[in-house]
C-alpha atoms as a PDB file:
ATOM      1  CA  UNK A   1     -16.489  31.415  27.998  1.00  0.00           C
ATOM      2  CA  UNK A   2     -14.662  33.476  30.468  1.00  0.00           C
ATOM      3  CA  UNK A   3     -13.781  37.108  29.938  1.00  0.00           C
ATOM      4  CA  UNK A   4     -10.117  36.424  28.973  1.00  0.00           C
ATOM      5  CA  UNK A   5     -11.249  33.575  26.369  1.00  0.00           C
ATOM      6  CA  UNK A   6     -14.081  36.589  25.070  1.00  0.00           C
ATOM      7  CA  UNK A   7     -11.292  39.246  24.541  1.00  0.00           C
ATOM      8  CA  UNK A   8      -9.102  36.825  22.465  1.00  0.00           C
ATOM      9  CA  UNK A   9     -11.556  36.420  19.798  1.00  0.00           C
ATOM     10  CA  UNK A  10      -9.900  36.082  16.020  1.00  0.00           C
ATOM     11  CA  UNK A  11     -12.210  39.598  15.651  1.00  0.00           C
ATOM     12  CA  UNK A  12     -10.470  41.321  18.270  1.00  0.00           C
ATOM     13  CA  UNK A  13      -7.154  40.273  17.574  1.00  0.00           C
ATOM     14  CA  UNK A  14      -7.568  41.568  13.623  1.00  0.00           C
ATOM     15  CA  UNK A  15      -9.084  44.853  15.054  1.00  0.00           C
ATOM     16  CA  UNK A  16      -6.002  45.096  17.562  1.00  0.00           C
ATOM     17  CA  UNK A  17      -3.657  44.183  14.883  1.00  0.00           C
ATOM     18  CA  UNK A  18      -4.981  46.972  12.495  1.00  0.00           C
ATOM     19  CA  UNK A  19      -4.903  49.761  15.594  1.00  0.00           C
ATOM     20  CA  UNK A  20      -1.010  48.523  16.406  1.00  0.00           C
ATOM     21  CA  UNK A  21       0.034  49.018  12.698  1.00  0.00           C
ATOM     22  CA  UNK A  22      -1.828  52.344  12.833  1.00  0.00           C
ATOM     23  CA  UNK A  23       0.281  53.316  15.971  1.00  0.00           C
ATOM     24  CA  UNK A  24       3.730  52.174  14.706  1.00  0.00           C
ATOM     25  CA  UNK A  25       3.000  53.943  10.932  1.00  0.00           C
ATOM     26  CA  UNK A  26       1.645  57.006  12.366  1.00  0.00           C
ATOM     27  CA  UNK A  27       4.374  57.178  15.185  1.00  0.00           C
ATOM     28  CA  UNK A  28       6.973  56.777  12.810  1.00  0.00           C
ATOM     29  CA  UNK A  29       5.765  58.652   9.724  1.00  0.00           C
ATOM     30  CA  UNK A  30       3.168  61.350  10.887  1.00  0.00           C
ATOM     31  CA  UNK A  31       5.521  62.874  13.522  1.00  0.00           C
ATOM     32  CA  UNK A  32       6.638  65.325  11.779  1.00  0.00           C
ATOM     33  CA  UNK A  33       7.161  68.440  14.126  1.00  0.00           C
ATOM     34  CA  UNK A  34       9.915  67.578  16.778  1.00  0.00           C
ATOM     35  CA  UNK A  35       9.544  69.926  19.801  1.00  0.00           C
ATOM     36  CA  UNK A  36      12.166  69.232  22.997  1.00  0.00           C
ATOM     37  CA  UNK A  37      11.745  65.372  22.710  1.00  0.00           C
ATOM     38  CA  UNK A  38       7.916  65.491  22.143  1.00  0.00           C
ATOM     39  CA  UNK A  39       6.452  65.409  18.415  1.00  0.00           C
ATOM     40  CA  UNK A  40       3.034  66.063  17.242  1.00  0.00           C
ATOM     41  CA  UNK A  41       1.905  62.789  17.904  1.00  0.00           C
ATOM     42  CA  UNK A  42      -0.951  61.203  15.510  1.00  0.00           C
ATOM     43  CA  UNK A  43      -0.641  57.811  17.206  1.00  0.00           C
ATOM     44  CA  UNK A  44      -2.626  58.995  20.259  1.00  0.00           C
ATOM     45  CA  UNK A  45      -5.537  58.433  18.314  1.00  0.00           C
ATOM     46  CA  UNK A  46      -5.524  54.778  17.387  1.00  0.00           C
ATOM     47  CA  UNK A  47      -4.698  54.673  21.418  1.00  0.00           C
ATOM     48  CA  UNK A  48      -8.017  56.356  21.826  1.00  0.00           C
ATOM     49  CA  UNK A  49      -9.638  53.666  19.570  1.00  0.00           C
ATOM     50  CA  UNK A  50      -8.025  50.833  21.588  1.00  0.00           C
ATOM     51  CA  UNK A  51      -9.176  52.392  24.914  1.00  0.00           C
ATOM     52  CA  UNK A  52     -12.976  52.688  23.479  1.00  0.00           C
ATOM     53  CA  UNK A  53     -13.188  49.507  21.815  1.00  0.00           C
ATOM     54  CA  UNK A  54     -11.148  47.268  24.336  1.00  0.00           C
ATOM     55  CA  UNK A  55     -10.801  49.366  27.378  1.00  0.00           C
ATOM     56  CA  UNK A  56      -7.864  49.422  29.484  1.00  0.00           C
ATOM     57  CA  UNK A  57      -6.211  46.446  28.227  1.00  0.00           C
ATOM     58  CA  UNK A  58      -6.435  47.603  24.734  1.00  0.00           C
ATOM     59  CA  UNK A  59      -5.758  51.246  25.529  1.00  0.00           C
ATOM     60  CA  UNK A  60      -2.928  50.379  27.646  1.00  0.00           C
ATOM     61  CA  UNK A  61      -1.404  47.809  24.952  1.00  0.00           C
ATOM     62  CA  UNK A  62      -1.602  50.209  22.303  1.00  0.00           C
ATOM     63  CA  UNK A  63      -0.147  53.091  24.664  1.00  0.00           C
ATOM     64  CA  UNK A  64       2.811  50.558  25.445  1.00  0.00           C
ATOM     65  CA  UNK A  65       3.678  50.154  21.929  1.00  0.00           C
ATOM     66  CA  UNK A  66       3.723  53.916  21.177  1.00  0.00           C
ATOM     67  CA  UNK A  67       5.741  54.377  23.951  1.00  0.00           C
ATOM     68  CA  UNK A  68       8.175  51.934  23.122  1.00  0.00           C
ATOM     69  CA  UNK A  69       8.392  53.167  19.322  1.00  0.00           C
ATOM     70  CA  UNK A  70       9.098  56.699  20.573  1.00  0.00           C
ATOM     71  CA  UNK A  71      11.720  55.452  23.137  1.00  0.00           C
ATOM     72  CA  UNK A  72      13.710  53.317  20.407  1.00  0.00           C
ATOM     73  CA  UNK A  73      13.481  56.059  17.787  1.00  0.00           C
ATOM     74  CA  UNK A  74      13.970  58.935  20.021  1.00  0.00           C
ATOM     75  CA  UNK A  75      16.328  58.014  22.812  1.00  0.00           C
ATOM     76  CA  UNK A  76      18.328  54.756  21.681  1.00  0.00           C
ATOM     77  CA  UNK A  77      18.603  55.583  18.047  1.00  0.00           C
ATOM     78  CA  UNK A  78      18.787  59.227  18.778  1.00  0.00           C
ATOM     79  CA  UNK A  79      16.222  60.873  16.603  1.00  0.00           C
ATOM     80  CA  UNK A  80      15.810  63.739  19.253  1.00  0.00           C
ATOM     81  CA  UNK A  81      18.811  65.184  20.688  1.00  0.00           C
ATOM     82  CA  UNK A  82      17.210  66.184  23.840  1.00  0.00           C
ATOM     83  CA  UNK A  83      15.678  62.868  24.643  1.00  0.00           C
ATOM     84  CA  UNK A  84      19.132  61.108  23.585  1.00  0.00           C
ATOM     85  CA  UNK A  85      20.759  63.210  25.860  1.00  0.00           C
ATOM     86  CA  UNK A  86      18.561  62.485  28.644  1.00  0.00           C
ATOM     87  CA  UNK A  87      18.494  59.200  28.148  1.00  0.00           C
ATOM     88  CA  UNK A  88      22.390  59.104  28.688  1.00  0.00           C
ATOM     89  CA  UNK A  89      22.106  61.089  31.744  1.00  0.00           C
ATOM     90  CA  UNK A  90      19.281  58.951  33.241  1.00  0.00           C
ATOM     91  CA  UNK A  91      18.251  56.115  31.331  1.00  0.00           C
ATOM     92  CA  UNK A  92      15.554  54.424  33.785  1.00  0.00           C
ATOM     93  CA  UNK A  93      13.784  57.583  34.373  1.00  0.00           C
ATOM     94  CA  UNK A  94      13.926  58.648  30.625  1.00  0.00           C
ATOM     95  CA  UNK A  95      12.253  54.961  29.934  1.00  0.00           C
ATOM     96  CA  UNK A  96       9.554  55.146  32.209  1.00  0.00           C
ATOM     97  CA  UNK A  97       8.669  58.331  30.894  1.00  0.00           C
ATOM     98  CA  UNK A  98       8.789  57.763  27.453  1.00  0.00           C
ATOM     99  CA  UNK A  99       6.842  53.977  27.779  1.00  0.00           C
ATOM    100  CA  UNK A 100       4.841  55.130  30.662  1.00  0.00           C
ATOM    101  CA  UNK A 101       3.080  58.314  29.437  1.00  0.00           C
ATOM    102  CA  UNK A 102       1.178  56.845  26.732  1.00  0.00           C
ATOM    103  CA  UNK A 103       0.822  53.539  28.492  1.00  0.00           C
ATOM    104  CA  UNK A 104      -1.188  55.120  31.607  1.00  0.00           C
ATOM    105  CA  UNK A 105      -2.880  57.731  28.967  1.00  0.00           C
ATOM    106  CA  UNK A 106      -4.185  54.528  27.164  1.00  0.00           C
ATOM    107  CA  UNK A 107      -5.389  52.739  30.508  1.00  0.00           C
ATOM    108  CA  UNK A 108      -6.977  55.761  31.824  1.00  0.00           C
ATOM    109  CA  UNK A 109      -8.840  56.647  28.647  1.00  0.00           C
ATOM    110  CA  UNK A 110     -10.283  53.378  28.316  1.00  0.00           C
ATOM    111  CA  UNK A 111     -11.434  53.339  31.975  1.00  0.00           C
ATOM    112  CA  UNK A 112     -13.106  56.602  31.432  1.00  0.00           C
ATOM    113  CA  UNK A 113     -14.744  55.649  28.131  1.00  0.00           C
ATOM    114  CA  UNK A 114     -16.306  52.514  29.600  1.00  0.00           C
ATOM    115  CA  UNK A 115     -17.480  54.235  32.666  1.00  0.00           C
ATOM    116  CA  UNK A 116     -19.210  57.277  30.679  1.00  0.00           C
ATOM    117  CA  UNK A 117     -20.451  55.370  27.792  1.00  0.00           C
ATOM    118  CA  UNK A 118     -22.957  53.470  29.722  1.00  0.00           C
ATOM    119  CA  UNK A 119     -24.730  56.808  30.090  1.00  0.00           C
ATOM    120  CA  UNK A 120     -23.632  58.665  26.928  1.00  0.00           C
ATOM    121  CA  UNK A 121     -21.290  57.324  24.338  1.00  0.00           C
ATOM    122  CA  UNK A 122     -20.154  60.658  22.529  1.00  0.00           C
ATOM    123  CA  UNK A 123     -19.573  62.549  25.540  1.00  0.00           C
ATOM    124  CA  UNK A 124     -17.461  59.462  26.593  1.00  0.00           C
ATOM    125  CA  UNK A 125     -15.919  59.712  23.128  1.00  0.00           C
ATOM    126  CA  UNK A 126     -14.969  63.385  23.920  1.00  0.00           C
ATOM    127  CA  UNK A 127     -13.646  62.903  27.107  1.00  0.00           C
ATOM    128  CA  UNK A 128     -11.453  59.973  26.402  1.00  0.00           C
ATOM    129  CA  UNK A 129     -10.195  61.736  23.345  1.00  0.00           C
ATOM    130  CA  UNK A 130      -9.093  64.918  25.415  1.00  0.00           C
ATOM    131  CA  UNK A 131      -7.712  62.647  28.494  1.00  0.00           C
ATOM    132  CA  UNK A 132      -4.924  61.090  26.276  1.00  0.00           C
ATOM    133  CA  UNK A 133      -2.919  64.286  25.225  1.00  0.00           C
ATOM    134  CA  UNK A 134      -3.569  65.713  28.579  1.00  0.00           C
ATOM    135  CA  UNK A 135      -2.173  62.774  30.564  1.00  0.00           C
ATOM    136  CA  UNK A 136       0.588  62.162  27.770  1.00  0.00           C
ATOM    137  CA  UNK A 137       1.968  65.665  28.205  1.00  0.00           C
ATOM    138  CA  UNK A 138       1.055  65.794  31.762  1.00  0.00           C
ATOM    139  CA  UNK A 139       3.255  62.826  32.611  1.00  0.00           C
ATOM    140  CA  UNK A 140       6.045  64.119  30.553  1.00  0.00           C
ATOM    141  CA  UNK A 141       6.146  67.393  31.971  1.00  0.00           C
ATOM    142  CA  UNK A 142       5.977  65.782  35.655  1.00  0.00           C
ATOM    143  CA  UNK A 143       9.398  63.916  34.340  1.00  0.00           C
ATOM    144  CA  UNK A 144      10.894  66.734  33.286  1.00  0.00           C
ATOM    145  CA  UNK A 145      10.520  68.215  36.606  1.00  0.00           C
ATOM    146  CA  UNK A 146      11.828  65.055  38.416  1.00  0.00           C
ATOM    147  CA  UNK A 147      15.165  65.288  36.173  1.00  0.00           C
ATOM    148  CA  UNK A 148      15.294  68.899  36.365  1.00  0.00           C
ATOM    149  CA  UNK A 149      19.175  68.697  37.158  1.00  0.00           C
ATOM    150  CA  UNK A 150      19.435  66.932  33.653  1.00  0.00           C
ATOM    151  CA  UNK A 151      16.941  68.945  31.896  1.00  0.00           C
ATOM    152  CA  UNK A 152      18.930  72.141  33.147  1.00  0.00           C
ATOM    153  CA  UNK A 153      22.260  70.687  31.726  1.00  0.00           C
ATOM    154  CA  UNK A 154      20.730  70.396  28.579  1.00  0.00           C
ATOM    155  CA  UNK A 155      19.019  73.886  28.641  1.00  0.00           C
ATOM    156  CA  UNK A 156      21.856  75.434  29.968  1.00  0.00           C
ATOM    157  CA  UNK A 157      19.307  76.953  32.904  1.00  0.00           C
ATOM    158  CA  UNK A 158      19.455  76.890  36.404  1.00  0.00           C
ATOM    159  CA  UNK A 159      18.369  73.417  38.044  1.00  0.00           C
ATOM    160  CA  UNK A 160      15.200  74.729  39.844  1.00  0.00           C
ATOM    161  CA  UNK A 161      11.383  72.942  38.895  1.00  0.00           C
ATOM    162  CA  UNK A 162       9.920  76.566  38.382  1.00  0.00           C
ATOM    163  CA  UNK A 163      12.518  77.360  35.755  1.00  0.00           C
ATOM    164  CA  UNK A 164      12.722  73.693  34.183  1.00  0.00           C
ATOM    165  CA  UNK A 165       8.756  73.578  34.137  1.00  0.00           C
ATOM    166  CA  UNK A 166       8.105  76.864  32.930  1.00  0.00           C
ATOM    167  CA  UNK A 167      11.103  76.590  30.422  1.00  0.00           C
ATOM    168  CA  UNK A 168       9.941  73.253  28.923  1.00  0.00           C
ATOM    169  CA  UNK A 169       6.374  74.338  28.883  1.00  0.00           C
ATOM    170  CA  UNK A 170       7.006  77.148  26.664  1.00  0.00           C
ATOM    171  CA  UNK A 171       8.917  74.772  24.109  1.00  0.00           C
ATOM    172  CA  UNK A 172       6.084  72.192  24.293  1.00  0.00           C
ATOM    173  CA  UNK A 173       2.589  74.099  24.606  1.00  0.00           C
ATOM    174  CA  UNK A 174       2.078  74.358  21.028  1.00  0.00           C
ATOM    175  CA  UNK A 175       2.708  70.756  20.164  1.00  0.00           C
ATOM    176  CA  UNK A 176       0.271  70.077  23.264  1.00  0.00           C
ATOM    177  CA  UNK A 177      -2.589  72.350  21.817  1.00  0.00           C
ATOM    178  CA  UNK A 178      -2.141  70.797  18.603  1.00  0.00           C
ATOM    179  CA  UNK A 179      -2.541  67.108  19.715  1.00  0.00           C
ATOM    180  CA  UNK A 180      -5.805  68.340  21.846  1.00  0.00           C
ATOM    181  CA  UNK A 181      -7.027  69.827  18.928  1.00  0.00           C
ATOM    182  CA  UNK A 182      -6.494  66.856  16.509  1.00  0.00           C
ATOM    183  CA  UNK A 183      -8.075  64.648  19.061  1.00  0.00           C
ATOM    184  CA  UNK A 184     -11.026  67.300  19.621  1.00  0.00           C
ATOM    185  CA  UNK A 185     -11.713  67.624  15.942  1.00  0.00           C
ATOM    186  CA  UNK A 186     -11.322  63.693  15.372  1.00  0.00           C
ATOM    187  CA  UNK A 187     -13.580  62.583  18.511  1.00  0.00           C
ATOM    188  CA  UNK A 188     -16.937  62.787  16.827  1.00  0.00           C
ATOM    189  CA  UNK A 189     -15.419  60.621  14.042  1.00  0.00           C
ATOM    190  CA  UNK A 190     -14.015  58.360  16.346  1.00  0.00           C
ATOM    191  CA  UNK A 191     -17.136  57.620  18.102  1.00  0.00           C
ATOM    192  CA  UNK A 192     -18.843  56.979  14.720  1.00  0.00           C
ATOM    193  CA  UNK A 193     -16.433  54.244  13.736  1.00  0.00           C
ATOM    194  CA  UNK A 194     -16.904  52.840  17.163  1.00  0.00           C
ATOM    195  CA  UNK A 195     -20.803  53.057  17.030  1.00  0.00           C
ATOM    196  CA  UNK A 196     -20.431  51.432  13.297  1.00  0.00           C
ATOM    197  CA  UNK A 197     -18.431  48.686  14.687  1.00  0.00           C
ATOM    198  CA  UNK A 198     -20.715  47.775  17.695  1.00  0.00           C
ATOM    199  CA  UNK A 199     -23.741  47.802  15.494  1.00  0.00           C
ATOM    200  CA  UNK A 200     -21.931  45.511  12.774  1.00  0.00           C
ATOM    201  CA  UNK A 201     -20.853  43.014  16.029  1.00  0.00           C
ATOM    202  CA  UNK A 202     -24.614  43.259  17.329  1.00  0.00           C
ATOM    203  CA  UNK A 203     -26.137  42.508  13.883  1.00  0.00           C
ATOM    204  CA  UNK A 204     -23.742  39.343  13.276  1.00  0.00           C
ATOM    205  CA  UNK A 205     -24.259  37.809  17.038  1.00  0.00           C
ATOM    206  CA  UNK A 206     -28.013  37.704  16.175  1.00  0.00           C
ATOM    207  CA  UNK A 207     -28.108  35.295  13.100  1.00  0.00           C
ATOM    208  CA  UNK A 208     -25.603  33.237  15.469  1.00  0.00           C
ATOM    209  CA  UNK A 209     -27.731  33.204  18.188  1.00  0.00           C
ATOM    210  CA  UNK A 210     -30.932  32.331  16.354  1.00  0.00           C
ATOM    211  CA  UNK A 211     -28.711  29.472  14.643  1.00  0.00           C
ATOM    212  CA  UNK A 212     -28.255  27.768  18.254  1.00  0.00           C
ATOM    213  CA  UNK A 213     -31.632  27.910  19.010  1.00  0.00           C
END
C-alpha cells in the first residue's frame, strides 16, 4: 500500500469529514467579533487538529476550506463591509489573501508539528497551535500593506505602507491576541485528543496484525 492509498482510508476520511464540518460550523456560527475584515476565528482549532493528524495535507485542506468560507461570506456576500469593499477594489489580491492565509497556516502548522513531534509531541502541539493564528494574521497584514491604496481609501488615510500597517494592526490586535490565547489554552487539550486517537489506532492495528500471522 503506497502513501497516497494509505492516506485515503475510511478512518482518515471520517476524521477529515468531522474536522471539515467543525471548520464550516465554527466559521459560520462562532465568528462573533468582526474587526476590519477579520473575526475571532474558532475554526483555526480544527485546522491545527488537521495538521496534527494528517500533516501538511490535512492542515492545508482544512485551511483552504476555512478561507473559502470566509471569502464567500465576508467578500462575495458582503458580510464584512471592509472585506467587501476591498474585494470590489482588488478582487484578485483579496481572494488570494482570504484563501491563502489559512491554507498556508495549515500547511506550515502540519509540517512543523510532524517535525517537532518526533522528539516532543506536547511542545509540537503548542508550537503548531501558535503558528496558525500568527501566520493567519501575518499574511493578512502583509496583504493589507500590498493593498495599501485600497485600504487607505476605505480608512480615509494617506496611502503609505506604515500608516496602513499601524492603523490596521491597531484595529485587529485584540482579535489576534484572542485567537492566540484560544489556541494556546486549547493546545494541551488538542494534544490530548491526538494522543488518545493515535493510541486507539495503534491498539486497532495490533489485533489486525496478529490475525494476518
